[in-house]
Amino acid sequence: MFDILSTKTTFLSGLAVATCVAASSAGAVTVFQEQVLDENGEDMEFVFNGLAMSNGDGGTVTITPSGSSGTIGLDLSGAFPLETEYFEVLFEGGSRGFYSCGGPSFNGNTAVPIAGAVDNSFNFNNCAFSLSIGIGGADLMDALADGIVTVGVFFGDDVSTFGDDDIVRVTLDYVEGGDIPPIPLPASIGFLGLGLLGLGGLARARRKSS
């Protein structure tokens, strides 16, 4: 548990990935990473390492776009039925749904329109949004057992970059809950201990009789 903001930079798939970790004295943990969308239809993977266990109440994964040039927002219009302008969110390899920004077709109704999305250009070709997905307590505890959480953001083939240097941020929020619980010993260990005690008693009895 700590009160400062620490930042480290690693490299993932040749791209610089900034990882920031913050936790308040009350045990609230926030970690985030950012990657640049520089290929149409890119699949992104965000790996968070060295995480503490949660308190069992679950947490939230939030996906937001920003940018360093051009118009801020991602090409997620879903304007034509045959286009794949959406993204899939994965938590620890399991799908958490497909999302788009509200074009007329919603990609043939395969993606959920993101509530509150802002259309920064014609028909959500540059869509600004904040998508939060709840992670249940049991799922988060399982994921944190090894201190590593992996979030995937996989874009459909027709999601275009438009050369805007779009930045995708993934944030994980939860409340810290202490150490990993101890692993119980197998029952056979207990029987082995009893056996050793019995052998010790037998040896003492032999010494007394001699």
C-alpha atoms as a PDB file:
ATOM      1  CA  MET A   1       0.000   0.000   0.000  1.00  0.00           C
ATOM      2  CA  PHE A   2       1.503   3.324  -0.983  1.00  0.00           C
ATOM      3  CA  ASP A   3       0.647   6.980  -1.484  1.00  0.00           C
ATOM      4  CA  ILE A   4       2.821   8.017  -4.414  1.00  0.00           C
ATOM      5  CA  LEU A   5       2.490   7.684  -8.173  1.00  0.00           C
ATOM      6  CA  SER A   6       5.131   5.472  -9.761  1.00  0.00           C
ATOM      7  CA  THR A   7       5.691   5.111 -13.492  1.00  0.00           C
ATOM      8  CA  LYS A   8       7.647   2.575 -15.521  1.00  0.00           C
ATOM      9  CA  THR A   9       8.005   2.019 -19.254  1.00  0.00           C
ATOM     10  CA  THR A  10       8.175  -1.393 -20.892  1.00  0.00           C
ATOM     11  CA  PHE A  11       7.997  -2.522 -24.515  1.00  0.00           C
ATOM     12  CA  LEU A  12       5.191  -4.638 -25.912  1.00  0.00           C
ATOM     13  CA  SER A  13       5.061  -5.698 -29.567  1.00  0.00           C
ATOM     14  CA  GLY A  14       7.608  -3.013 -30.417  1.00  0.00           C
ATOM     15  CA  LEU A  15       5.495  -0.221 -28.931  1.00  0.00           C
ATOM     16  CA  ALA A  16       6.304   1.804 -25.853  1.00  0.00           C
ATOM     17  CA  VAL A  17       3.771   1.031 -23.149  1.00  0.00           C
ATOM     18  CA  ALA A  18       3.512   3.398 -20.217  1.00  0.00           C
ATOM     19  CA  THR A  19       2.364   1.721 -17.023  1.00  0.00           C
ATOM     20  CA  CYS A  20       1.296   3.876 -14.116  1.00  0.00           C
ATOM     21  CA  VAL A  21       0.360   2.577 -10.692  1.00  0.00           C
ATOM     22  CA  ALA A  22      -1.345   4.545  -7.954  1.00  0.00           C
ATOM     23  CA  ALA A  23      -2.831   3.489  -4.646  1.00  0.00           C
ATOM     24  CA  SER A  24      -4.236   5.575  -1.828  1.00  0.00           C
ATOM     25  CA  SER A  25      -3.692   4.912   1.857  1.00  0.00           C
ATOM     26  CA  ALA A  26      -7.232   3.513   1.950  1.00  0.00           C
ATOM     27  CA  GLY A  27      -6.144   0.652  -0.346  1.00  0.00           C
ATOM     28  CA  ALA A  28      -7.690   1.825  -3.638  1.00  0.00           C
ATOM     29  CA  VAL A  29      -5.537   0.644  -6.547  1.00  0.00           C
ATOM     30  CA  THR A  30      -5.502   2.207 -10.025  1.00  0.00           C
ATOM     31  CA  VAL A  31      -3.237   0.958 -12.814  1.00  0.00           C
ATOM     32  CA  PHE A  32      -3.279   2.026 -16.439  1.00  0.00           C
ATOM     33  CA  GLN A  33      -1.404   1.497 -19.668  1.00  0.00           C
ATOM     34  CA  GLU A  34      -1.476   3.305 -23.009  1.00  0.00           C
ATOM     35  CA  GLN A  35      -0.709   2.137 -26.540  1.00  0.00           C
ATOM     36  CA  VAL A  36      -0.855   3.917 -29.891  1.00  0.00           C
ATOM     37  CA  LEU A  37      -3.227   2.521 -32.509  1.00  0.00           C
ATOM     38  CA  ASP A  38      -0.992   2.668 -35.578  1.00  0.00           C
ATOM     39  CA  GLU A  39      -2.368  -0.196 -37.651  1.00  0.00           C
ATOM     40  CA  ASN A  40      -5.889  -0.658 -38.988  1.00  0.00           C
ATOM     41  CA  GLY A  41      -7.670  -3.452 -37.143  1.00  0.00           C
ATOM     42  CA  GLU A  42      -4.902  -3.842 -34.558  1.00  0.00           C
ATOM     43  CA  ASP A  43      -5.142  -6.275 -31.625  1.00  0.00           C
ATOM     44  CA  MET A  44      -3.769  -4.801 -28.398  1.00  0.00           C
ATOM     45  CA  GLU A  45      -2.785  -6.605 -25.207  1.00  0.00           C
ATOM     46  CA  PHE A  46      -2.241  -4.780 -21.911  1.00  0.00           C
ATOM     47  CA  VAL A  47      -0.371  -6.769 -19.240  1.00  0.00           C
ATOM     48  CA  PHE A  48      -0.319  -5.456 -15.664  1.00  0.00           C
ATOM     49  CA  ASN A  49       2.331  -7.012 -13.403  1.00  0.00           C
ATOM     50  CA  GLY A  50       3.084  -6.986  -9.676  1.00  0.00           C
ATOM     51  CA  LEU A  51      -0.483  -6.364  -8.517  1.00  0.00           C
ATOM     52  CA  ALA A  52      -1.708  -6.859  -4.955  1.00  0.00           C
ATOM     53  CA  MET A  53      -4.662  -9.067  -4.097  1.00  0.00           C
ATOM     54  CA  SER A  54      -8.103  -7.467  -3.997  1.00  0.00           C
ATOM     55  CA  ASN A  55     -10.566  -7.324  -1.129  1.00  0.00           C
ATOM     56  CA  GLY A  56     -13.005  -9.570  -3.013  1.00  0.00           C
ATOM     57  CA  ASP A  57     -15.432  -6.845  -4.088  1.00  0.00           C
ATOM     58  CA  GLY A  58     -14.402  -6.900  -7.748  1.00  0.00           C
ATOM     59  CA  GLY A  59     -13.213  -4.015  -9.878  1.00  0.00           C
ATOM     60  CA  THR A  60     -13.587  -2.093 -13.126  1.00  0.00           C
ATOM     61  CA  VAL A  61     -11.772  -2.069 -16.458  1.00  0.00           C
ATOM     62  CA  THR A  62     -12.161   1.209 -18.377  1.00  0.00           C
ATOM     63  CA  ILE A  63     -11.201   1.849 -22.015  1.00  0.00           C
ATOM     64  CA  THR A  64     -10.790   5.445 -23.234  1.00  0.00           C
ATOM     65  CA  PRO A  65      -9.236   6.975 -26.375  1.00  0.00           C
ATOM     66  CA  SER A  66      -7.121  10.110 -26.591  1.00  0.00           C
ATOM     67  CA  GLY A  67      -4.642  11.388 -29.147  1.00  0.00           C
ATOM     68  CA  SER A  68      -1.499  13.360 -29.861  1.00  0.00           C
ATOM     69  CA  SER A  69      -2.519  14.665 -33.298  1.00  0.00           C
ATOM     70  CA  GLY A  70      -5.572  14.882 -35.557  1.00  0.00           C
ATOM     71  CA  THR A  71      -9.098  14.501 -34.239  1.00  0.00           C
ATOM     72  CA  ILE A  72      -9.464  12.636 -30.949  1.00  0.00           C
ATOM     73  CA  GLY A  73     -11.526   9.479 -31.114  1.00  0.00           C
ATOM     74  CA  LEU A  74     -11.563   6.038 -32.723  1.00  0.00           C
ATOM     75  CA  ASP A  75     -13.164   4.971 -36.020  1.00  0.00           C
ATOM     76  CA  LEU A  76     -16.095   3.002 -34.597  1.00  0.00           C
ATOM     77  CA  SER A  77     -19.055   4.192 -36.623  1.00  0.00           C
ATOM     78  CA  GLY A  78     -20.576   0.881 -37.637  1.00  0.00           C
ATOM     79  CA  ALA A  79     -22.099   2.773 -40.527  1.00  0.00           C
ATOM     80  CA  PHE A  80     -22.370  -0.137 -42.952  1.00  0.00           C
ATOM     81  CA  PRO A  81     -23.632  -3.654 -42.242  1.00  0.00           C
ATOM     82  CA  LEU A  82     -20.576  -5.385 -43.707  1.00  0.00           C
ATOM     83  CA  GLU A  83     -17.984  -3.257 -41.873  1.00  0.00           C
ATOM     84  CA  THR A  84     -16.197  -4.537 -38.782  1.00  0.00           C
ATOM     85  CA  GLU A  85     -15.900  -1.196 -37.016  1.00  0.00           C
ATOM     86  CA  TYR A  86     -16.005  -2.359 -33.432  1.00  0.00           C
ATOM     87  CA  PHE A  87     -13.673  -3.741 -30.775  1.00  0.00           C
ATOM     88  CA  GLU A  88     -13.790  -6.721 -28.443  1.00  0.00           C
ATOM     89  CA  VAL A  89     -12.681  -6.514 -24.796  1.00  0.00           C
ATOM     90  CA  LEU A  90     -11.046  -9.570 -23.236  1.00  0.00           C
ATOM     91  CA  PHE A  91     -10.218 -10.081 -19.555  1.00  0.00           C
ATOM     92  CA  GLU A  92      -7.745 -12.890 -18.892  1.00  0.00           C
ATOM     93  CA  GLY A  93      -8.543 -14.251 -22.351  1.00  0.00           C
ATOM     94  CA  GLY A  94     -12.319 -14.334 -21.836  1.00  0.00           C
ATOM     95  CA  SER A  95     -14.558 -12.085 -23.941  1.00  0.00           C
ATOM     96  CA  ARG A  96     -16.349  -9.208 -22.195  1.00  0.00           C
ATOM     97  CA  GLY A  97     -18.320  -8.174 -25.264  1.00  0.00           C
ATOM     98  CA  PHE A  98     -18.142  -6.277 -28.562  1.00  0.00           C
ATOM     99  CA  TYR A  99     -18.632  -2.497 -28.666  1.00  0.00           C
ATOM    100  CA  SER A 100     -19.188   0.241 -31.247  1.00  0.00           C
ATOM    101  CA  CYS A 101     -20.112   3.910 -31.131  1.00  0.00           C
ATOM    102  CA  GLY A 102     -23.580   4.151 -32.602  1.00  0.00           C
ATOM    103  CA  GLY A 103     -23.589   4.193 -36.375  1.00  0.00           C
ATOM    104  CA  PRO A 104     -26.836   3.180 -38.105  1.00  0.00           C
ATOM    105  CA  SER A 105     -26.040  -0.521 -38.304  1.00  0.00           C
ATOM    106  CA  PHE A 106     -24.085  -1.126 -35.076  1.00  0.00           C
ATOM    107  CA  ASN A 107     -22.009  -3.427 -37.293  1.00  0.00           C
ATOM    108  CA  GLY A 108     -24.973  -5.583 -38.168  1.00  0.00           C
ATOM    109  CA  ASN A 109     -26.094  -5.585 -34.523  1.00  0.00           C
ATOM    110  CA  THR A 110     -23.043  -7.550 -33.430  1.00  0.00           C
ATOM    111  CA  ALA A 111     -21.716  -4.779 -31.179  1.00  0.00           C
ATOM    112  CA  VAL A 112     -23.229  -2.907 -28.240  1.00  0.00           C
ATOM    113  CA  PRO A 113     -23.426   0.885 -28.770  1.00  0.00           C
ATOM    114  CA  ILE A 114     -21.393   2.723 -26.117  1.00  0.00           C
ATOM    115  CA  ALA A 115     -23.574   4.994 -23.988  1.00  0.00           C
ATOM    116  CA  GLY A 116     -22.508   8.637 -23.942  1.00  0.00           C
ATOM    117  CA  ALA A 117     -20.180   8.348 -26.946  1.00  0.00           C
ATOM    118  CA  VAL A 118     -19.278  11.699 -28.557  1.00  0.00           C
ATOM    119  CA  ASP A 119     -19.208  12.067 -32.356  1.00  0.00           C
ATOM    120  CA  ASN A 120     -16.109  14.150 -33.140  1.00  0.00           C
ATOM    121  CA  SER A 121     -16.538  13.738 -36.885  1.00  0.00           C
ATOM    122  CA  PHE A 122     -19.076  12.512 -39.400  1.00  0.00           C
ATOM    123  CA  ASN A 123     -20.925   9.376 -38.264  1.00  0.00           C
ATOM    124  CA  PHE A 124     -18.547   8.513 -35.386  1.00  0.00           C
ATOM    125  CA  ASN A 125     -15.451   8.157 -37.538  1.00  0.00           C
ATOM    126  CA  ASN A 126     -13.701   9.768 -34.561  1.00  0.00           C
ATOM    127  CA  CYS A 127     -15.614   8.555 -31.525  1.00  0.00           C
ATOM    128  CA  ALA A 128     -14.658   9.733 -28.029  1.00  0.00           C
ATOM    129  CA  PHE A 129     -15.958   7.613 -25.151  1.00  0.00           C
ATOM    130  CA  SER A 130     -15.303   6.075 -21.756  1.00  0.00           C
ATOM    131  CA  LEU A 131     -16.342   2.433 -21.537  1.00  0.00           C
ATOM    132  CA  SER A 132     -16.324   0.826 -18.086  1.00  0.00           C
ATOM    133  CA  ILE A 133     -16.770  -2.928 -17.628  1.00  0.00           C
ATOM    134  CA  GLY A 134     -17.323  -4.443 -14.191  1.00  0.00           C
ATOM    135  CA  ILE A 135     -15.220  -7.449 -13.124  1.00  0.00           C
ATOM    136  CA  GLY A 136     -16.769  -9.712 -10.489  1.00  0.00           C
ATOM    137  CA  GLY A 137     -15.037 -10.423  -7.202  1.00  0.00           C
ATOM    138  CA  ALA A 138     -14.314 -14.095  -7.888  1.00  0.00           C
ATOM    139  CA  ASP A 139     -13.003 -13.389 -11.403  1.00  0.00           C
ATOM    140  CA  LEU A 140     -10.698 -10.657 -10.161  1.00  0.00           C
ATOM    141  CA  MET A 141      -9.407 -12.762  -7.256  1.00  0.00           C
ATOM    142  CA  ASP A 142      -8.599 -15.602  -9.665  1.00  0.00           C
ATOM    143  CA  ALA A 143      -6.824 -13.200 -12.026  1.00  0.00           C
ATOM    144  CA  LEU A 144      -4.758 -11.640  -9.226  1.00  0.00           C
ATOM    145  CA  ALA A 145      -3.606 -14.974  -7.779  1.00  0.00           C
ATOM    146  CA  ASP A 146      -0.332 -14.623  -9.715  1.00  0.00           C
ATOM    147  CA  GLY A 147      -0.201 -10.812  -9.501  1.00  0.00           C
ATOM    148  CA  ILE A 148      -0.764 -10.438 -13.260  1.00  0.00           C
ATOM    149  CA  VAL A 149      -3.854  -9.204 -15.098  1.00  0.00           C
ATOM    150  CA  THR A 150      -4.168  -9.205 -18.898  1.00  0.00           C
ATOM    151  CA  VAL A 151      -6.699  -7.086 -20.795  1.00  0.00           C
ATOM    152  CA  GLY A 152      -7.131  -7.358 -24.556  1.00  0.00           C
ATOM    153  CA  VAL A 153      -8.645  -4.734 -26.849  1.00  0.00           C
ATOM    154  CA  PHE A 154      -9.066  -6.307 -30.299  1.00  0.00           C
ATOM    155  CA  PHE A 155     -10.212  -4.007 -33.105  1.00  0.00           C
ATOM    156  CA  GLY A 156     -12.186  -5.093 -36.153  1.00  0.00           C
ATOM    157  CA  ASP A 157     -10.382  -5.040 -39.495  1.00  0.00           C
ATOM    158  CA  ASP A 158     -12.191  -1.885 -40.695  1.00  0.00           C
ATOM    159  CA  VAL A 159     -11.250   0.289 -37.712  1.00  0.00           C
ATOM    160  CA  SER A 160      -8.998   2.880 -39.403  1.00  0.00           C
ATOM    161  CA  THR A 161      -6.254   4.968 -37.833  1.00  0.00           C
ATOM    162  CA  PHE A 162      -6.642   7.962 -40.235  1.00  0.00           C
ATOM    163  CA  GLY A 163      -3.038   8.780 -39.238  1.00  0.00           C
ATOM    164  CA  ASP A 164      -4.284  10.445 -36.047  1.00  0.00           C
ATOM    165  CA  ASP A 165      -1.920   8.675 -33.621  1.00  0.00           C
ATOM    166  CA  ASP A 166      -4.903   7.552 -31.581  1.00  0.00           C
ATOM    167  CA  ILE A 167      -4.008   6.497 -28.036  1.00  0.00           C
ATOM    168  CA  VAL A 168      -5.911   3.705 -26.305  1.00  0.00           C
ATOM    169  CA  ARG A 169      -5.820   3.729 -22.504  1.00  0.00           C
ATOM    170  CA  VAL A 170      -6.874   0.766 -20.374  1.00  0.00           C
ATOM    171  CA  THR A 171      -7.368   1.376 -16.640  1.00  0.00           C
ATOM    172  CA  LEU A 172      -7.943  -1.220 -13.915  1.00  0.00           C
ATOM    173  CA  ASP A 173      -9.474  -0.090 -10.605  1.00  0.00           C
ATOM    174  CA  TYR A 174     -10.042  -2.184  -7.474  1.00  0.00           C
ATOM    175  CA  VAL A 175      -9.502  -2.160  -3.701  1.00  0.00           C
ATOM    176  CA  GLU A 176      -6.468  -3.901  -2.275  1.00  0.00           C
ATOM    177  CA  GLY A 177      -7.233  -6.674   0.190  1.00  0.00           C
ATOM    178  CA  GLY A 178      -4.015  -8.051   1.647  1.00  0.00           C
ATOM    179  CA  ASP A 179      -1.781 -11.003   0.975  1.00  0.00           C
ATOM    180  CA  ILE A 180      -2.432 -14.117  -1.069  1.00  0.00           C
ATOM    181  CA  PRO A 181      -3.988 -16.713   1.295  1.00  0.00           C
ATOM    182  CA  PRO A 182      -1.679 -19.610   2.281  1.00  0.00           C
ATOM    183  CA  ILE A 183      -1.939 -22.820   0.296  1.00  0.00           C
ATOM    184  CA  PRO A 184      -3.219 -25.661   2.530  1.00  0.00           C
ATOM    185  CA  LEU A 185      -0.934 -28.678   2.887  1.00  0.00           C
ATOM    186  CA  PRO A 186      -2.164 -32.030   1.591  1.00  0.00           C
ATOM    187  CA  ALA A 187      -3.690 -34.338   4.183  1.00  0.00           C
ATOM    188  CA  SER A 188      -0.874 -36.833   3.539  1.00  0.00           C
ATOM    189  CA  ILE A 189       1.606 -34.411   5.147  1.00  0.00           C
ATOM    190  CA  GLY A 190      -0.282 -34.681   8.425  1.00  0.00           C
ATOM    191  CA  PHE A 191      -0.232 -38.481   8.327  1.00  0.00           C
ATOM    192  CA  LEU A 192       3.506 -38.391   7.618  1.00  0.00           C
ATOM    193  CA  GLY A 193       4.036 -36.285  10.741  1.00  0.00           C
ATOM    194  CA  LEU A 194       2.031 -38.708  12.877  1.00  0.00           C
ATOM    195  CA  GLY A 195       4.073 -41.585  11.496  1.00  0.00           C
ATOM    196  CA  LEU A 196       7.344 -39.887  12.403  1.00  0.00           C
ATOM    197  CA  LEU A 197       6.087 -39.235  15.935  1.00  0.00           C
ATOM    198  CA  GLY A 198       5.160 -42.909  16.240  1.00  0.00           C
ATOM    199  CA  LEU A 199       8.616 -44.022  15.119  1.00  0.00           C
ATOM    200  CA  GLY A 200      10.200 -41.709  17.653  1.00  0.00           C
ATOM    201  CA  GLY A 201       8.114 -43.200  20.463  1.00  0.00           C
ATOM    202  CA  LEU A 202       8.996 -46.737  19.379  1.00  0.00           C
ATOM    203  CA  ALA A 203      12.713 -45.907  19.409  1.00  0.00           C
ATOM    204  CA  ARG A 204      12.486 -44.526  22.971  1.00  0.00           C
ATOM    205  CA  ALA A 205      10.640 -47.621  24.143  1.00  0.00           C
ATOM    206  CA  ARG A 206      13.404 -49.860  22.718  1.00  0.00           C
ATOM    207  CA  ARG A 207      16.120 -47.842  24.477  1.00  0.00           C
ATOM    208  CA  LYS A 208      14.319 -48.196  27.826  1.00  0.00           C
ATOM    209  CA  SER A 209      13.854 -51.948  27.431  1.00  0.00           C
ATOM    210  CA  SER A 210      17.551 -52.433  26.695  1.00  0.00           C
END
